[in-house]
Amino acid sequence: MLHYFDESKVRNIDARKRRMTLRDLLTMTSGMDWNEDLPYDDPANPSDLMEAADDWVQFVIDRPMKEEPGTVFAYSSGATELLAYIFKRETGADIEQYAHTHLFGPLGIRNYFWEADASGGCRQRRGGLYLSAEDLAKIGLLYLNDGRWNGRRLMSSEWIKESLTPRIDADEGFKYGYQWWLLPHGEPARLAWAARGMGGQRLLVFPEDHLIVVSTAWHILNEASIEFDVVRRLLPGVHPHQCGSQSGG
């Protein structure tokens, strides 16, 4: 991963940072010292410190290492910020411009807002992308349809399979793929796909049930795990035969 940077301008380089890969960033296993489990109003939260920095990418890449890359899950908005930077280095396009042409445009998503940092870099973290519930559901449907939309392939089947493959155990009983939370549920265990936004913004996809659930709740002070409520309370209604015999016409 470091070959995307001028190493002479990067702090805290050690053997572990040299071993960090793009896959480690995608799976939130960068190994960097980053604890985002702190409240977002805690001045020690590195996400807030990043926002206060003039250069978000530089702030993240300068972080000291704590773990061996690829071994420990630690959710990091900074890791995704690095991915957005590397994406632009590889494609020459800002990630918002690329999404507008190759994703949002074909999906008919016209009303959205994507915040940026002070340098104009696309912001890929909490509250950064604003979508309507309907448009957020379109992204879930695109994945459910294996990357096809109205007969047109927008994403490769290989990438979708790779991104939805569990790579590491995450928080609260979730697993994590490439930027997707994956929730085991049911007997035998199946995987729900989850995009988990700050404050209860959620996209949930239950592929075996062809079910997409979108939440635009706002529990910023006491964020609930909406996914578990959906599994406990909504899925039994999708499969009423699993709730015992019922009478009535």
C-alpha atoms as a PDB file:
ATOM      1  CA  MET A   1       0.000   0.000   0.000  1.00  0.00           C
ATOM      2  CA  LEU A   2       2.867   2.374   0.772  1.00  0.00           C
ATOM      3  CA  HIS A   3       3.973   2.561  -2.856  1.00  0.00           C
ATOM      4  CA  TYR A   4       1.116   5.047  -3.388  1.00  0.00           C
ATOM      5  CA  PHE A   5       2.956   7.498  -1.110  1.00  0.00           C
ATOM      6  CA  ASP A   6       6.290   9.271  -0.889  1.00  0.00           C
ATOM      7  CA  GLU A   7       7.746   7.354   2.044  1.00  0.00           C
ATOM      8  CA  SER A   8      10.047  10.228   2.921  1.00  0.00           C
ATOM      9  CA  LYS A   9       6.924  12.183   3.894  1.00  0.00           C
ATOM     10  CA  VAL A  10       5.202   9.437   5.892  1.00  0.00           C
ATOM     11  CA  ARG A  11       5.647   9.180   9.646  1.00  0.00           C
ATOM     12  CA  ASN A  12       5.829   6.074  11.840  1.00  0.00           C
ATOM     13  CA  ILE A  13       6.950   3.706   9.082  1.00  0.00           C
ATOM     14  CA  ASP A  14       7.900   0.273  10.365  1.00  0.00           C
ATOM     15  CA  ALA A  15       7.883  -3.270   8.996  1.00  0.00           C
ATOM     16  CA  ARG A  16       4.176  -3.678   9.757  1.00  0.00           C
ATOM     17  CA  LYS A  17       3.187  -0.549   7.867  1.00  0.00           C
ATOM     18  CA  ARG A  18       5.252  -1.748   4.925  1.00  0.00           C
ATOM     19  CA  ARG A  19       3.226  -4.982   4.919  1.00  0.00           C
ATOM     20  CA  MET A  20      -0.145  -3.217   4.845  1.00  0.00           C
ATOM     21  CA  THR A  21      -2.148  -4.041   1.695  1.00  0.00           C
ATOM     22  CA  LEU A  22      -5.266  -2.763  -0.036  1.00  0.00           C
ATOM     23  CA  ARG A  23      -7.108  -5.837   1.233  1.00  0.00           C
ATOM     24  CA  ASP A  24      -6.237  -4.820   4.780  1.00  0.00           C
ATOM     25  CA  LEU A  25      -7.832  -1.416   4.176  1.00  0.00           C
ATOM     26  CA  LEU A  26     -10.904  -2.971   2.574  1.00  0.00           C
ATOM     27  CA  THR A  27     -11.424  -5.304   5.532  1.00  0.00           C
ATOM     28  CA  MET A  28     -10.716  -2.757   8.299  1.00  0.00           C
ATOM     29  CA  THR A  29      -7.647  -4.702   9.392  1.00  0.00           C
ATOM     30  CA  SER A  30      -5.014  -2.072   8.633  1.00  0.00           C
ATOM     31  CA  GLY A  31      -3.258  -2.595  11.970  1.00  0.00           C
ATOM     32  CA  MET A  32      -3.031   1.161  12.552  1.00  0.00           C
ATOM     33  CA  ASP A  33      -3.634   2.675  15.985  1.00  0.00           C
ATOM     34  CA  TRP A  34      -7.268   3.683  15.459  1.00  0.00           C
ATOM     35  CA  ASN A  35     -10.056   3.366  18.030  1.00  0.00           C
ATOM     36  CA  GLU A  36     -13.329   4.623  16.546  1.00  0.00           C
ATOM     37  CA  ASP A  37     -15.377   2.895  19.221  1.00  0.00           C
ATOM     38  CA  LEU A  38     -15.072   6.072  21.262  1.00  0.00           C
ATOM     39  CA  PRO A  39     -18.005   8.507  21.109  1.00  0.00           C
ATOM     40  CA  TYR A  40     -17.675  10.839  18.143  1.00  0.00           C
ATOM     41  CA  ASP A  41     -17.714  13.826  20.496  1.00  0.00           C
ATOM     42  CA  ASP A  42     -14.676  12.438  22.332  1.00  0.00           C
ATOM     43  CA  PRO A  43     -11.624  14.513  21.329  1.00  0.00           C
ATOM     44  CA  ALA A  44      -9.526  11.349  21.465  1.00  0.00           C
ATOM     45  CA  ASN A  45     -11.529   9.733  18.634  1.00  0.00           C
ATOM     46  CA  PRO A  46      -9.123   9.621  15.659  1.00  0.00           C
ATOM     47  CA  SER A  47     -12.025  10.173  13.285  1.00  0.00           C
ATOM     48  CA  ASP A  48     -12.620  13.594  14.836  1.00  0.00           C
ATOM     49  CA  LEU A  49      -8.895  14.316  14.847  1.00  0.00           C
ATOM     50  CA  MET A  50      -8.817  13.478  11.144  1.00  0.00           C
ATOM     51  CA  GLU A  51     -11.627  15.932  10.447  1.00  0.00           C
ATOM     52  CA  ALA A  52      -9.704  18.632  12.265  1.00  0.00           C
ATOM     53  CA  ALA A  53      -6.571  18.031  10.174  1.00  0.00           C
ATOM     54  CA  ASP A  54      -5.810  20.069   7.061  1.00  0.00           C
ATOM     55  CA  ASP A  55      -4.966  16.905   5.100  1.00  0.00           C
ATOM     56  CA  TRP A  56      -7.051  13.881   6.052  1.00  0.00           C
ATOM     57  CA  VAL A  57      -5.064  11.387   3.977  1.00  0.00           C
ATOM     58  CA  GLN A  58      -1.772  12.520   5.460  1.00  0.00           C
ATOM     59  CA  PHE A  59      -3.214  12.310   8.965  1.00  0.00           C
ATOM     60  CA  VAL A  60      -4.262   8.698   8.409  1.00  0.00           C
ATOM     61  CA  ILE A  61      -1.128   7.431   6.698  1.00  0.00           C
ATOM     62  CA  ASP A  62       0.986   8.988   9.475  1.00  0.00           C
ATOM     63  CA  ARG A  63      -0.766   7.006  12.227  1.00  0.00           C
ATOM     64  CA  PRO A  64       1.472   4.619  14.188  1.00  0.00           C
ATOM     65  CA  MET A  65       0.920   0.903  13.900  1.00  0.00           C
ATOM     66  CA  LYS A  66      -0.625  -1.167  16.680  1.00  0.00           C
ATOM     67  CA  GLU A  67      -1.265  -4.622  15.199  1.00  0.00           C
ATOM     68  CA  GLU A  68      -0.025  -6.825  12.407  1.00  0.00           C
ATOM     69  CA  PRO A  69      -2.051  -5.895   9.282  1.00  0.00           C
ATOM     70  CA  GLY A  70      -4.765  -8.371   8.369  1.00  0.00           C
ATOM     71  CA  THR A  71      -5.201  -9.827  11.847  1.00  0.00           C
ATOM     72  CA  VAL A  72      -7.440  -7.558  13.976  1.00  0.00           C
ATOM     73  CA  PHE A  73     -10.683  -5.818  12.972  1.00  0.00           C
ATOM     74  CA  ALA A  74     -10.871  -2.148  13.947  1.00  0.00           C
ATOM     75  CA  TYR A  75     -13.453  -0.040  12.142  1.00  0.00           C
ATOM     76  CA  SER A  76     -11.686   2.961  10.638  1.00  0.00           C
ATOM     77  CA  SER A  77     -13.098   5.825   8.629  1.00  0.00           C
ATOM     78  CA  GLY A  78      -9.474   6.651   7.954  1.00  0.00           C
ATOM     79  CA  ALA A  79      -8.887   3.357   6.137  1.00  0.00           C
ATOM     80  CA  THR A  80     -11.724   4.186   3.748  1.00  0.00           C
ATOM     81  CA  GLU A  81     -10.306   7.672   3.267  1.00  0.00           C
ATOM     82  CA  LEU A  82      -7.059   6.047   2.118  1.00  0.00           C
ATOM     83  CA  LEU A  83      -9.030   3.854  -0.286  1.00  0.00           C
ATOM     84  CA  ALA A  84     -10.664   6.921  -1.839  1.00  0.00           C
ATOM     85  CA  TYR A  85      -7.226   8.493  -2.283  1.00  0.00           C
ATOM     86  CA  ILE A  86      -5.784   5.341  -3.854  1.00  0.00           C
ATOM     87  CA  PHE A  87      -8.837   5.013  -6.096  1.00  0.00           C
ATOM     88  CA  LYS A  88      -8.100   8.446  -7.549  1.00  0.00           C
ATOM     89  CA  ARG A  89      -4.434   7.572  -7.990  1.00  0.00           C
ATOM     90  CA  GLU A  90      -5.387   4.443  -9.944  1.00  0.00           C
ATOM     91  CA  THR A  91      -8.225   5.848 -12.073  1.00  0.00           C
ATOM     92  CA  GLY A  92      -7.405   9.538 -12.309  1.00  0.00           C
ATOM     93  CA  ALA A  93     -11.003  10.283 -11.337  1.00  0.00           C
ATOM     94  CA  ASP A  94     -12.457  11.559  -8.102  1.00  0.00           C
ATOM     95  CA  ILE A  95     -14.573   8.799  -6.599  1.00  0.00           C
ATOM     96  CA  GLU A  96     -17.709  10.974  -6.673  1.00  0.00           C
ATOM     97  CA  GLN A  97     -17.240  11.765 -10.356  1.00  0.00           C
ATOM     98  CA  TYR A  98     -16.643   8.102 -11.116  1.00  0.00           C
ATOM     99  CA  ALA A  99     -19.729   7.048  -9.149  1.00  0.00           C
ATOM    100  CA  HIS A 100     -21.850   9.661 -10.942  1.00  0.00           C
ATOM    101  CA  THR A 101     -20.859   8.261 -14.342  1.00  0.00           C
ATOM    102  CA  HIS A 102     -20.704   4.536 -13.677  1.00  0.00           C
ATOM    103  CA  LEU A 103     -23.097   3.951 -10.774  1.00  0.00           C
ATOM    104  CA  PHE A 104     -25.445   6.760  -9.805  1.00  0.00           C
ATOM    105  CA  GLY A 105     -26.251   7.754 -13.370  1.00  0.00           C
ATOM    106  CA  PRO A 106     -27.196   4.255 -14.573  1.00  0.00           C
ATOM    107  CA  LEU A 107     -29.187   3.652 -11.366  1.00  0.00           C
ATOM    108  CA  GLY A 108     -31.132   6.871 -11.855  1.00  0.00           C
ATOM    109  CA  ILE A 109     -29.767   8.382  -8.629  1.00  0.00           C
ATOM    110  CA  ARG A 110     -29.834  12.123  -9.262  1.00  0.00           C
ATOM    111  CA  ASN A 111     -30.363  13.715  -5.868  1.00  0.00           C
ATOM    112  CA  TYR A 112     -27.417  13.008  -3.606  1.00  0.00           C
ATOM    113  CA  PHE A 113     -24.799  14.907  -1.677  1.00  0.00           C
ATOM    114  CA  TRP A 114     -21.254  13.760  -0.957  1.00  0.00           C
ATOM    115  CA  GLU A 115     -19.252  15.832   1.490  1.00  0.00           C
ATOM    116  CA  ALA A 116     -15.575  16.598   0.930  1.00  0.00           C
ATOM    117  CA  ASP A 117     -12.632  17.467   3.142  1.00  0.00           C
ATOM    118  CA  ALA A 118     -10.953  20.861   3.142  1.00  0.00           C
ATOM    119  CA  SER A 119      -8.651  19.875   0.276  1.00  0.00           C
ATOM    120  CA  GLY A 120     -11.588  18.767  -1.883  1.00  0.00           C
ATOM    121  CA  GLY A 121     -10.928  15.075  -1.402  1.00  0.00           C
ATOM    122  CA  CYS A 122     -14.096  12.988  -1.405  1.00  0.00           C
ATOM    123  CA  ARG A 123     -15.218  12.152   2.089  1.00  0.00           C
ATOM    124  CA  GLN A 124     -15.923   8.461   2.634  1.00  0.00           C
ATOM    125  CA  ARG A 125     -17.068   8.306   6.217  1.00  0.00           C
ATOM    126  CA  ARG A 126     -19.865   8.998   8.699  1.00  0.00           C
ATOM    127  CA  GLY A 127     -22.495  11.296   7.217  1.00  0.00           C
ATOM    128  CA  GLY A 128     -20.488  11.726   4.060  1.00  0.00           C
ATOM    129  CA  LEU A 129     -22.990  10.433   1.500  1.00  0.00           C
ATOM    130  CA  TYR A 130     -26.629  11.515   1.588  1.00  0.00           C
ATOM    131  CA  LEU A 131     -29.153   9.377  -0.330  1.00  0.00           C
ATOM    132  CA  SER A 132     -32.896   8.953  -0.245  1.00  0.00           C
ATOM    133  CA  ALA A 133     -34.229   5.651   1.103  1.00  0.00           C
ATOM    134  CA  GLU A 134     -35.304   4.612  -2.401  1.00  0.00           C
ATOM    135  CA  ASP A 135     -31.895   5.318  -3.905  1.00  0.00           C
ATOM    136  CA  LEU A 136     -30.099   3.504  -1.093  1.00  0.00           C
ATOM    137  CA  ALA A 137     -32.314   0.486  -1.776  1.00  0.00           C
ATOM    138  CA  LYS A 138     -31.206   0.577  -5.431  1.00  0.00           C
ATOM    139  CA  ILE A 139     -27.654  -0.192  -4.382  1.00  0.00           C
ATOM    140  CA  GLY A 140     -28.893  -3.213  -2.448  1.00  0.00           C
ATOM    141  CA  LEU A 141     -30.924  -4.352  -5.458  1.00  0.00           C
ATOM    142  CA  LEU A 142     -27.888  -3.995  -7.714  1.00  0.00           C
ATOM    143  CA  TYR A 143     -25.951  -6.363  -5.459  1.00  0.00           C
ATOM    144  CA  LEU A 144     -28.928  -8.692  -5.157  1.00  0.00           C
ATOM    145  CA  ASN A 145     -29.041  -8.840  -8.977  1.00  0.00           C
ATOM    146  CA  ASP A 146     -25.350  -9.754  -9.116  1.00  0.00           C
ATOM    147  CA  GLY A 147     -24.294  -6.389 -10.515  1.00  0.00           C
ATOM    148  CA  ARG A 148     -26.926  -6.055 -13.254  1.00  0.00           C
ATOM    149  CA  TRP A 149     -29.411  -3.207 -13.635  1.00  0.00           C
ATOM    150  CA  ASN A 150     -32.102  -3.266 -16.320  1.00  0.00           C
ATOM    151  CA  GLY A 151     -30.122  -5.885 -18.228  1.00  0.00           C
ATOM    152  CA  ARG A 152     -26.898  -3.889 -18.102  1.00  0.00           C
ATOM    153  CA  ARG A 153     -23.899  -5.054 -16.101  1.00  0.00           C
ATOM    154  CA  LEU A 154     -22.612  -2.282 -13.846  1.00  0.00           C
ATOM    155  CA  MET A 155     -20.394  -4.365 -11.561  1.00  0.00           C
ATOM    156  CA  SER A 156     -18.539  -7.592 -12.088  1.00  0.00           C
ATOM    157  CA  SER A 157     -19.982 -10.724 -10.546  1.00  0.00           C
ATOM    158  CA  GLU A 158     -16.495 -11.607  -9.313  1.00  0.00           C
ATOM    159  CA  TRP A 159     -16.159  -8.379  -7.333  1.00  0.00           C
ATOM    160  CA  ILE A 160     -19.580  -8.766  -5.731  1.00  0.00           C
ATOM    161  CA  LYS A 161     -18.743 -12.305  -4.645  1.00  0.00           C
ATOM    162  CA  GLU A 162     -15.367 -11.217  -3.297  1.00  0.00           C
ATOM    163  CA  SER A 163     -16.748  -8.222  -1.409  1.00  0.00           C
ATOM    164  CA  LEU A 164     -19.503 -10.271   0.262  1.00  0.00           C
ATOM    165  CA  THR A 165     -17.185 -13.066   1.388  1.00  0.00           C
ATOM    166  CA  PRO A 166     -16.512 -12.951   5.158  1.00  0.00           C
ATOM    167  CA  ARG A 167     -12.875 -12.029   5.797  1.00  0.00           C
ATOM    168  CA  ILE A 168     -12.671 -11.273   9.516  1.00  0.00           C
ATOM    169  CA  ASP A 169     -14.793 -11.418  12.673  1.00  0.00           C
ATOM    170  CA  ALA A 170     -16.083  -7.909  13.423  1.00  0.00           C
ATOM    171  CA  ASP A 171     -18.076  -6.291  16.232  1.00  0.00           C
ATOM    172  CA  GLU A 172     -21.440  -7.381  17.714  1.00  0.00           C
ATOM    173  CA  GLY A 173     -21.430 -10.808  16.084  1.00  0.00           C
ATOM    174  CA  PHE A 174     -20.934  -9.421  12.566  1.00  0.00           C
ATOM    175  CA  LYS A 175     -18.344 -10.536  10.087  1.00  0.00           C
ATOM    176  CA  TYR A 176     -16.763  -8.188   7.551  1.00  0.00           C
ATOM    177  CA  GLY A 177     -16.010  -8.443   3.847  1.00  0.00           C
ATOM    178  CA  TYR A 178     -14.789  -5.646   1.587  1.00  0.00           C
ATOM    179  CA  GLN A 179     -16.516  -2.599   3.095  1.00  0.00           C
ATOM    180  CA  TRP A 180     -19.644  -4.673   3.840  1.00  0.00           C
ATOM    181  CA  TRP A 181     -20.859  -5.811   7.248  1.00  0.00           C
ATOM    182  CA  LEU A 182     -22.107  -9.411   7.110  1.00  0.00           C
ATOM    183  CA  LEU A 183     -24.584 -10.725   9.692  1.00  0.00           C
ATOM    184  CA  PRO A 184     -24.984 -14.489  10.234  1.00  0.00           C
ATOM    185  CA  HIS A 185     -28.584 -15.369  11.075  1.00  0.00           C
ATOM    186  CA  GLY A 186     -31.026 -18.263  10.992  1.00  0.00           C
ATOM    187  CA  GLU A 187     -30.639 -22.028  11.073  1.00  0.00           C
ATOM    188  CA  PRO A 188     -28.763 -23.085   9.059  1.00  0.00           C
ATOM    189  CA  ALA A 189     -26.813 -19.817   9.261  1.00  0.00           C
ATOM    190  CA  ARG A 190     -27.142 -17.436   6.328  1.00  0.00           C
ATOM    191  CA  LEU A 191     -25.546 -14.051   5.741  1.00  0.00           C
ATOM    192  CA  ALA A 192     -27.339 -10.733   5.514  1.00  0.00           C
ATOM    193  CA  TRP A 193     -25.419  -7.921   3.831  1.00  0.00           C
ATOM    194  CA  ALA A 194     -25.368  -4.632   5.682  1.00  0.00           C
ATOM    195  CA  ALA A 195     -24.208  -1.093   4.958  1.00  0.00           C
ATOM    196  CA  ARG A 196     -24.224   0.559   8.382  1.00  0.00           C
ATOM    197  CA  GLY A 197     -24.327   4.333   8.389  1.00  0.00           C
ATOM    198  CA  MET A 198     -23.974   6.578  11.394  1.00  0.00           C
ATOM    199  CA  GLY A 199     -26.985   7.098  13.617  1.00  0.00           C
ATOM    200  CA  GLY A 200     -29.031   4.187  12.310  1.00  0.00           C
ATOM    201  CA  GLN A 201     -28.821   4.745   8.554  1.00  0.00           C
ATOM    202  CA  ARG A 202     -28.979   1.201   7.229  1.00  0.00           C
ATOM    203  CA  LEU A 203     -29.161  -0.862   4.071  1.00  0.00           C
ATOM    204  CA  LEU A 204     -29.856  -4.545   4.747  1.00  0.00           C
ATOM    205  CA  VAL A 205     -30.071  -7.246   2.109  1.00  0.00           C
ATOM    206  CA  PHE A 206     -31.327 -10.766   2.842  1.00  0.00           C
ATOM    207  CA  PRO A 207     -30.442 -12.542  -0.414  1.00  0.00           C
ATOM    208  CA  GLU A 208     -32.217 -15.858   0.179  1.00  0.00           C
ATOM    209  CA  ASP A 209     -35.433 -13.985   0.964  1.00  0.00           C
ATOM    210  CA  HIS A 210     -35.042 -11.437  -1.859  1.00  0.00           C
ATOM    211  CA  LEU A 211     -35.624  -8.850   0.842  1.00  0.00           C
ATOM    212  CA  ILE A 212     -34.140  -5.351   1.066  1.00  0.00           C
ATOM    213  CA  VAL A 213     -34.636  -3.247   4.190  1.00  0.00           C
ATOM    214  CA  VAL A 214     -33.670   0.426   4.400  1.00  0.00           C
ATOM    215  CA  SER A 215     -33.680   2.499   7.565  1.00  0.00           C
ATOM    216  CA  THR A 216     -33.243   6.256   7.770  1.00  0.00           C
ATOM    217  CA  ALA A 217     -33.558   6.444  11.557  1.00  0.00           C
ATOM    218  CA  TRP A 218     -31.447   8.876  13.534  1.00  0.00           C
ATOM    219  CA  HIS A 219     -30.211   7.576  16.890  1.00  0.00           C
ATOM    220  CA  ILE A 220     -26.977   9.516  17.059  1.00  0.00           C
ATOM    221  CA  LEU A 221     -26.843   9.529  20.877  1.00  0.00           C
ATOM    222  CA  ASN A 222     -27.917   5.926  21.448  1.00  0.00           C
ATOM    223  CA  GLU A 223     -27.454   4.053  18.221  1.00  0.00           C
ATOM    224  CA  ALA A 224     -29.325   0.769  18.212  1.00  0.00           C
ATOM    225  CA  SER A 225     -28.400  -2.328  16.249  1.00  0.00           C
ATOM    226  CA  ILE A 226     -31.393  -2.167  13.934  1.00  0.00           C
ATOM    227  CA  GLU A 227     -30.244  -5.286  12.093  1.00  0.00           C
ATOM    228  CA  PHE A 228     -31.079  -7.528  15.050  1.00  0.00           C
ATOM    229  CA  ASP A 229     -34.581  -6.093  15.354  1.00  0.00           C
ATOM    230  CA  VAL A 230     -35.145  -6.841  11.682  1.00  0.00           C
ATOM    231  CA  VAL A 231     -33.988 -10.436  12.130  1.00  0.00           C
ATOM    232  CA  ARG A 232     -36.100 -10.981  15.268  1.00  0.00           C
ATOM    233  CA  ARG A 233     -39.256  -9.136  14.304  1.00  0.00           C
ATOM    234  CA  LEU A 234     -39.503  -8.714  10.528  1.00  0.00           C
ATOM    235  CA  LEU A 235     -38.120 -11.971   9.124  1.00  0.00           C
ATOM    236  CA  PRO A 236     -40.678 -14.147  10.974  1.00  0.00           C
ATOM    237  CA  GLY A 237     -43.360 -12.219   9.108  1.00  0.00           C
ATOM    238  CA  VAL A 238     -41.662 -13.043   5.826  1.00  0.00           C
ATOM    239  CA  HIS A 239     -41.736 -16.724   6.819  1.00  0.00           C
ATOM    240  CA  PRO A 240     -44.999 -17.088   8.768  1.00  0.00           C
ATOM    241  CA  HIS A 241     -44.789 -20.888   8.525  1.00  0.00           C
ATOM    242  CA  GLN A 242     -41.784 -20.711  10.857  1.00  0.00           C
ATOM    243  CA  CYS A 243     -43.954 -19.151  13.588  1.00  0.00           C
ATOM    244  CA  GLY A 244     -46.160 -22.219  14.151  1.00  0.00           C
ATOM    245  CA  SER A 245     -49.594 -23.087  12.819  1.00  0.00           C
ATOM    246  CA  GLN A 246     -52.074 -20.308  12.275  1.00  0.00           C
ATOM    247  CA  SER A 247     -55.825 -20.318  11.837  1.00  0.00           C
ATOM    248  CA  GLY A 248     -58.141 -17.925  10.062  1.00  0.00           C
ATOM    249  CA  GLY A 249     -59.027 -17.068   6.508  1.00  0.00           C
END
